[in-house]
Amino acid sequence: MGCRGGGGGGRRHRRHRRRRPPPAAAAAVQTAEWGPRLAATLDRARCLGLPPLAATLVGTATHEAVRGTVHLTPSWMAPDDTVAACVTRVAANVTGLPPGTAHGFHIHTYGDATTRDGKSAGGHYDRDPSMTHGLPLAAAEAVAAVAAGHKPVRHEGDMGNVRAAADGGVFFSRLYELVVLEHVVGRSIILHQAPDDGGQPTGNAGARVAQGVIGYKLVPKAKVAPPPTAGGAGEGAKGGAAGGGGGGRGAPLKGEGHSPTEGGAMHEA
């Protein structure tokens, strides 16, 4: 009796099936594809979840007219798909300074404002006591340095200068890659009389004209909408059944579903 298909020499034709990769290999491929993206998403969430800080500036004994506030908030910088870093936005609003003047602006080591000259705050803050003074980098250059694991040569508290307008007021906002919120809470912000020229050992910025201790900022709690009532849910279910093909489900609740911007590129927050 001949074999199937005729004249096959007794050999059966087998259908070649495509082998599926083992589960472990498939998981490895998926991890390689999604791992970096997931890590970046988690880093961004941790960054933006840090509590913001604030300080109230009060003039020293020889500059009692100076008053101001400083806010420090977390910010996520991602200039492109390969470089990203958690940085800190420092925003200052100061009044009572001489018009058109520049002033050194630093974070100092101690949160001690008990002396009227500001000297109880100590020197410029840095975790490395051997670090030398310097001026801050431009934002893009700073983020690239952090992403590459290179610490710029300057104190972590070196924030450069602020400049007063014609009315003696300062409105200042800048990103700093070395200011880490967890490290500076409980320390002091000092405004100096002269500009910081980047010289050693502390920028030649002169006397201290204002001081303020950095603390946690009060953040109002977000209001949460109450859940729908049982009666409203029942009416929605009836409406869905009457409409046909709704699976007994009514109209979706307000805000349900994904945001149209979800999954987009990460930018500065």
Protein backbone atom coordinates (compact mmCIF):
# COMPACT_ATOMS: atom_id res chain seq x y z
CA MET A 1 0.00 0.00 0.00
CA GLY A 2 1.50 3.34 -1.01
CA CYS A 3 2.04 6.23 1.33
CA ARG A 4 0.02 9.39 1.30
CA GLY A 5 0.84 11.87 -1.37
CA GLY A 6 2.12 9.07 -3.59
CA GLY A 7 5.69 8.07 -4.29
CA GLY A 8 7.09 9.71 -1.20
CA GLY A 9 9.44 6.86 -0.40
CA GLY A 10 7.55 6.18 2.79
CA ARG A 11 8.31 9.63 4.15
CA ARG A 12 5.55 11.67 5.58
CA HIS A 13 5.36 15.35 4.84
CA ARG A 14 5.48 17.37 8.02
CA ARG A 15 4.19 20.88 8.34
CA HIS A 16 6.91 23.15 9.63
CA ARG A 17 5.66 25.28 12.45
CA ARG A 18 7.33 28.48 13.53
CA ARG A 19 8.82 28.04 16.92
CA ARG A 20 7.81 30.51 19.57
CA PRO A 21 10.58 31.91 21.73
CA PRO A 22 10.61 30.61 25.27
CA PRO A 23 8.81 32.85 27.81
CA ALA A 24 12.08 33.92 29.42
CA ALA A 25 13.51 35.11 26.09
CA ALA A 26 10.33 37.03 25.25
CA ALA A 27 10.41 38.71 28.65
CA ALA A 28 14.06 39.67 28.13
CA VAL A 29 13.26 41.31 24.79
CA GLN A 30 10.35 43.22 26.30
CA THR A 31 12.49 44.35 29.24
CA ALA A 32 15.20 45.58 26.87
CA GLU A 33 12.63 47.60 24.94
CA TRP A 34 10.66 49.03 27.85
CA GLY A 35 13.26 49.09 30.62
CA PRO A 36 14.86 52.50 29.89
CA ARG A 37 11.50 54.14 29.22
CA LEU A 38 10.04 52.77 32.45
CA ALA A 39 13.09 53.85 34.42
CA ALA A 40 12.84 57.39 33.02
CA THR A 41 9.13 57.53 33.87
CA LEU A 42 9.80 56.42 37.45
CA ASP A 43 12.67 58.90 37.82
CA ARG A 44 10.43 61.71 36.60
CA ALA A 45 7.66 60.70 39.03
CA ARG A 46 10.08 60.60 41.96
CA CYS A 47 11.50 63.99 40.99
CA LEU A 48 8.18 65.79 40.68
CA GLY A 49 6.95 64.14 43.87
CA LEU A 50 9.58 65.85 46.02
CA PRO A 51 8.13 68.40 48.48
CA PRO A 52 8.75 72.05 47.52
CA LEU A 53 10.66 74.39 49.82
CA ALA A 54 10.47 78.10 50.64
CA ALA A 55 12.34 80.80 52.56
CA THR A 56 11.37 84.27 53.76
CA LEU A 57 14.18 86.79 53.37
CA VAL A 58 14.65 89.46 56.02
CA GLY A 59 17.14 92.31 55.78
CA THR A 60 20.20 92.30 58.02
CA ALA A 61 20.90 95.08 60.53
CA THR A 62 22.32 97.48 57.92
CA HIS A 63 19.70 96.68 55.24
CA GLU A 64 16.40 96.46 57.10
CA ALA A 65 14.35 97.59 54.07
CA VAL A 66 15.14 94.38 52.16
CA ARG A 67 12.34 91.81 52.14
CA GLY A 68 11.62 88.83 49.95
CA THR A 69 10.56 85.24 49.39
CA VAL A 70 12.34 82.36 47.67
CA HIS A 71 10.64 79.20 46.39
CA LEU A 72 12.47 75.99 45.49
CA THR A 73 10.53 73.42 43.48
CA PRO A 74 11.47 70.17 41.70
CA SER A 75 11.63 70.26 37.92
CA TRP A 76 12.28 67.60 35.27
CA MET A 77 14.55 68.65 32.42
CA ALA A 78 14.57 66.53 29.25
CA PRO A 79 16.06 68.50 26.33
CA ASP A 80 15.97 65.36 24.15
CA ASP A 81 15.38 61.61 24.32
CA THR A 82 18.87 60.82 25.60
CA VAL A 83 19.42 63.46 28.29
CA ALA A 84 17.21 64.00 31.33
CA ALA A 85 17.75 65.10 34.92
CA CYS A 86 15.94 66.14 38.07
CA VAL A 87 16.82 69.77 38.77
CA THR A 88 15.51 72.51 41.06
CA ARG A 89 13.80 75.73 40.03
CA VAL A 90 14.66 78.61 42.34
CA ALA A 91 12.35 81.63 42.09
CA ALA A 92 12.98 84.78 44.13
CA ASN A 93 10.93 87.93 44.66
CA VAL A 94 12.83 90.63 46.57
CA THR A 95 12.21 94.33 47.28
CA GLY A 96 14.19 97.15 48.89
CA LEU A 97 17.48 96.87 46.99
CA PRO A 98 19.34 99.77 45.33
CA PRO A 99 18.09 100.20 41.72
CA GLY A 100 20.04 98.40 38.99
CA THR A 101 22.45 96.58 41.28
CA ALA A 102 23.63 92.94 41.13
CA HIS A 103 23.89 90.79 44.24
CA GLY A 104 25.49 87.43 45.02
CA PHE A 105 22.86 84.79 45.76
CA HIS A 106 23.86 81.65 47.66
CA ILE A 107 22.71 78.79 49.86
CA HIS A 108 24.72 78.74 53.09
CA THR A 109 25.42 75.81 55.37
CA TYR A 110 23.39 76.49 58.52
CA GLY A 111 19.76 77.38 59.04
CA ASP A 112 20.70 79.87 61.74
CA ALA A 113 19.40 83.43 61.42
CA THR A 114 20.01 84.46 65.03
CA THR A 115 22.64 87.11 64.25
CA ARG A 116 21.67 90.38 62.60
CA ASP A 117 24.63 90.33 60.20
CA GLY A 118 23.75 86.92 58.69
CA LYS A 119 27.09 85.35 59.61
CA SER A 120 25.50 82.64 61.76
CA ALA A 121 24.46 80.94 58.49
CA GLY A 122 28.08 79.93 57.92
CA GLY A 123 29.75 79.65 54.52
CA HIS A 124 28.59 78.40 51.13
CA TYR A 125 26.96 74.99 51.30
CA ASP A 126 28.59 71.95 49.72
CA ARG A 127 28.80 68.32 50.80
CA ASP A 128 32.40 68.22 49.60
CA PRO A 129 34.50 70.51 51.84
CA SER A 130 37.32 70.52 49.29
CA MET A 131 35.15 71.95 46.49
CA THR A 132 36.03 75.43 45.20
CA HIS A 133 33.70 78.32 44.38
CA GLY A 134 32.27 78.95 40.92
CA LEU A 135 29.41 80.39 38.88
CA PRO A 136 26.47 78.30 37.57
CA LEU A 137 26.36 76.81 34.09
CA ALA A 138 23.74 77.46 31.42
CA ALA A 139 20.72 75.17 31.81
CA ALA A 140 21.37 72.85 28.84
CA GLU A 141 25.07 72.51 29.67
CA ALA A 142 24.23 71.79 33.31
CA VAL A 143 21.76 69.01 32.49
CA ALA A 144 24.23 67.40 30.08
CA ALA A 145 26.88 67.42 32.83
CA VAL A 146 24.52 65.73 35.29
CA ALA A 147 23.46 63.11 32.74
CA ALA A 148 27.12 62.32 32.09
CA GLY A 149 27.81 61.99 35.81
CA HIS A 150 30.09 65.03 35.93
CA LYS A 151 29.75 67.45 38.81
CA PRO A 152 30.55 71.06 37.82
CA VAL A 153 33.32 72.72 39.79
CA ARG A 154 31.46 74.94 42.21
CA HIS A 155 29.72 74.76 45.58
CA GLU A 156 26.26 73.24 45.55
CA GLY A 157 25.02 76.49 47.07
CA ASP A 158 26.59 78.74 44.41
CA MET A 159 23.62 80.24 42.55
CA GLY A 160 25.31 83.21 40.88
CA ASN A 161 23.67 86.65 40.96
CA VAL A 162 20.33 88.39 40.92
CA ARG A 163 19.84 91.93 39.58
CA ALA A 164 17.51 94.60 40.92
CA ALA A 165 15.31 96.54 38.50
CA ALA A 166 14.85 100.31 38.45
CA ASP A 167 12.42 100.07 41.36
CA GLY A 168 14.83 98.05 43.50
CA GLY A 169 12.87 94.85 43.05
CA VAL A 170 14.02 91.42 41.90
CA PHE A 171 11.94 88.79 40.16
CA PHE A 172 14.23 85.89 39.42
CA SER A 173 13.71 82.30 38.25
CA ARG A 174 16.36 79.79 37.22
CA LEU A 175 17.04 76.05 37.10
CA TYR A 176 19.95 74.62 39.10
CA GLU A 177 21.32 71.12 38.60
CA LEU A 178 23.31 71.05 41.87
CA VAL A 179 20.59 72.25 44.25
CA VAL A 180 19.08 69.06 45.70
CA LEU A 181 15.94 69.70 47.75
CA GLU A 182 16.62 66.96 50.31
CA HIS A 183 20.08 68.40 50.98
CA VAL A 184 19.26 72.10 51.34
CA VAL A 185 16.16 71.99 53.57
CA GLY A 186 17.04 73.53 56.94
CA ARG A 187 19.87 75.63 55.50
CA SER A 188 19.88 79.36 54.67
CA ILE A 189 19.64 81.59 51.62
CA ILE A 190 21.86 84.65 51.74
CA LEU A 191 21.70 87.73 49.52
CA HIS A 192 24.98 89.65 49.39
CA GLN A 193 25.74 93.34 48.97
CA ALA A 194 27.97 93.01 45.88
CA PRO A 195 27.91 90.79 42.78
CA ASP A 196 29.56 87.36 42.76
CA ASP A 197 32.47 87.56 40.31
CA GLY A 198 33.36 83.87 40.52
CA GLY A 199 36.60 84.57 42.36
CA GLN A 200 38.03 82.58 45.23
CA PRO A 201 37.21 81.66 47.85
CA THR A 202 33.58 82.85 47.83
CA GLY A 203 33.06 85.23 44.91
CA ASN A 204 33.98 88.57 46.58
CA ALA A 205 30.29 89.33 47.10
CA GLY A 206 30.77 91.35 50.28
CA ALA A 207 28.47 91.74 53.27
CA ARG A 208 25.17 89.91 53.72
CA VAL A 209 22.10 92.09 53.17
CA ALA A 210 19.31 89.51 53.65
CA GLN A 211 18.90 86.04 55.11
CA GLY A 212 16.22 83.36 55.33
CA VAL A 213 15.98 79.75 56.53
CA ILE A 214 14.79 77.15 54.00
CA GLY A 215 11.83 75.06 55.14
CA TYR A 216 9.07 72.87 53.74
CA LYS A 217 6.39 74.78 51.88
CA LEU A 218 2.69 74.44 52.69
CA VAL A 219 0.98 72.81 49.71
CA PRO A 220 -2.85 73.00 49.68
CA LYS A 221 -4.51 69.62 49.34
CA ALA A 222 -6.21 68.97 46.02
CA LYS A 223 -9.99 68.77 46.14
CA VAL A 224 -11.36 65.37 45.17
CA ALA A 225 -14.80 65.14 43.55
CA PRO A 226 -17.26 62.94 45.51
CA PRO A 227 -18.17 59.57 43.98
CA PRO A 228 -21.51 59.27 42.14
CA THR A 229 -24.51 58.32 44.26
CA ALA A 230 -26.08 54.86 44.08
CA GLY A 231 -29.22 56.31 42.50
CA GLY A 232 -27.24 58.04 39.81
CA ALA A 233 -25.36 54.84 38.99
CA GLY A 234 -28.62 52.91 38.69
CA GLU A 235 -30.11 55.45 36.35
CA GLY A 236 -26.99 55.31 34.24
CA ALA A 237 -27.23 51.53 34.03
CA LYS A 238 -30.87 51.75 32.96
CA GLY A 239 -30.00 54.30 30.33
CA GLY A 240 -27.25 52.04 28.99
CA ALA A 241 -29.60 49.06 28.74
CA ALA A 242 -32.28 51.13 27.04
CA GLY A 243 -29.76 52.41 24.51
CA GLY A 244 -28.94 48.84 23.43
CA GLY A 245 -25.53 47.21 23.18
CA GLY A 246 -24.26 49.07 26.22
CA GLY A 247 -23.64 46.02 28.33
CA GLY A 248 -25.72 47.58 31.10
CA ARG A 249 -23.25 50.44 31.42
CA GLY A 250 -24.31 54.06 31.38
CA ALA A 251 -22.47 57.08 30.06
CA PRO A 252 -18.83 57.31 31.22
CA LEU A 253 -18.08 59.52 34.20
CA LYS A 254 -16.56 62.90 33.58
CA GLY A 255 -12.80 62.64 33.26
CA GLU A 256 -12.83 58.94 32.48
CA GLY A 257 -10.34 57.72 29.90
CA HIS A 258 -6.83 58.81 28.98
CA SER A 259 -5.62 62.34 28.59
CA PRO A 260 -4.95 63.32 24.96
CA THR A 261 -1.42 64.32 25.98
CA GLU A 262 -0.61 61.08 27.78
CA GLY A 263 2.45 59.29 26.47
CA GLY A 264 3.95 62.39 24.87
CA ALA A 265 7.56 63.48 25.15
CA MET A 266 8.80 64.63 28.53
CA HIS A 267 9.70 68.26 28.75
CA GLU A 268 10.60 70.63 31.48
CA ALA A 269 7.96 70.39 34.21
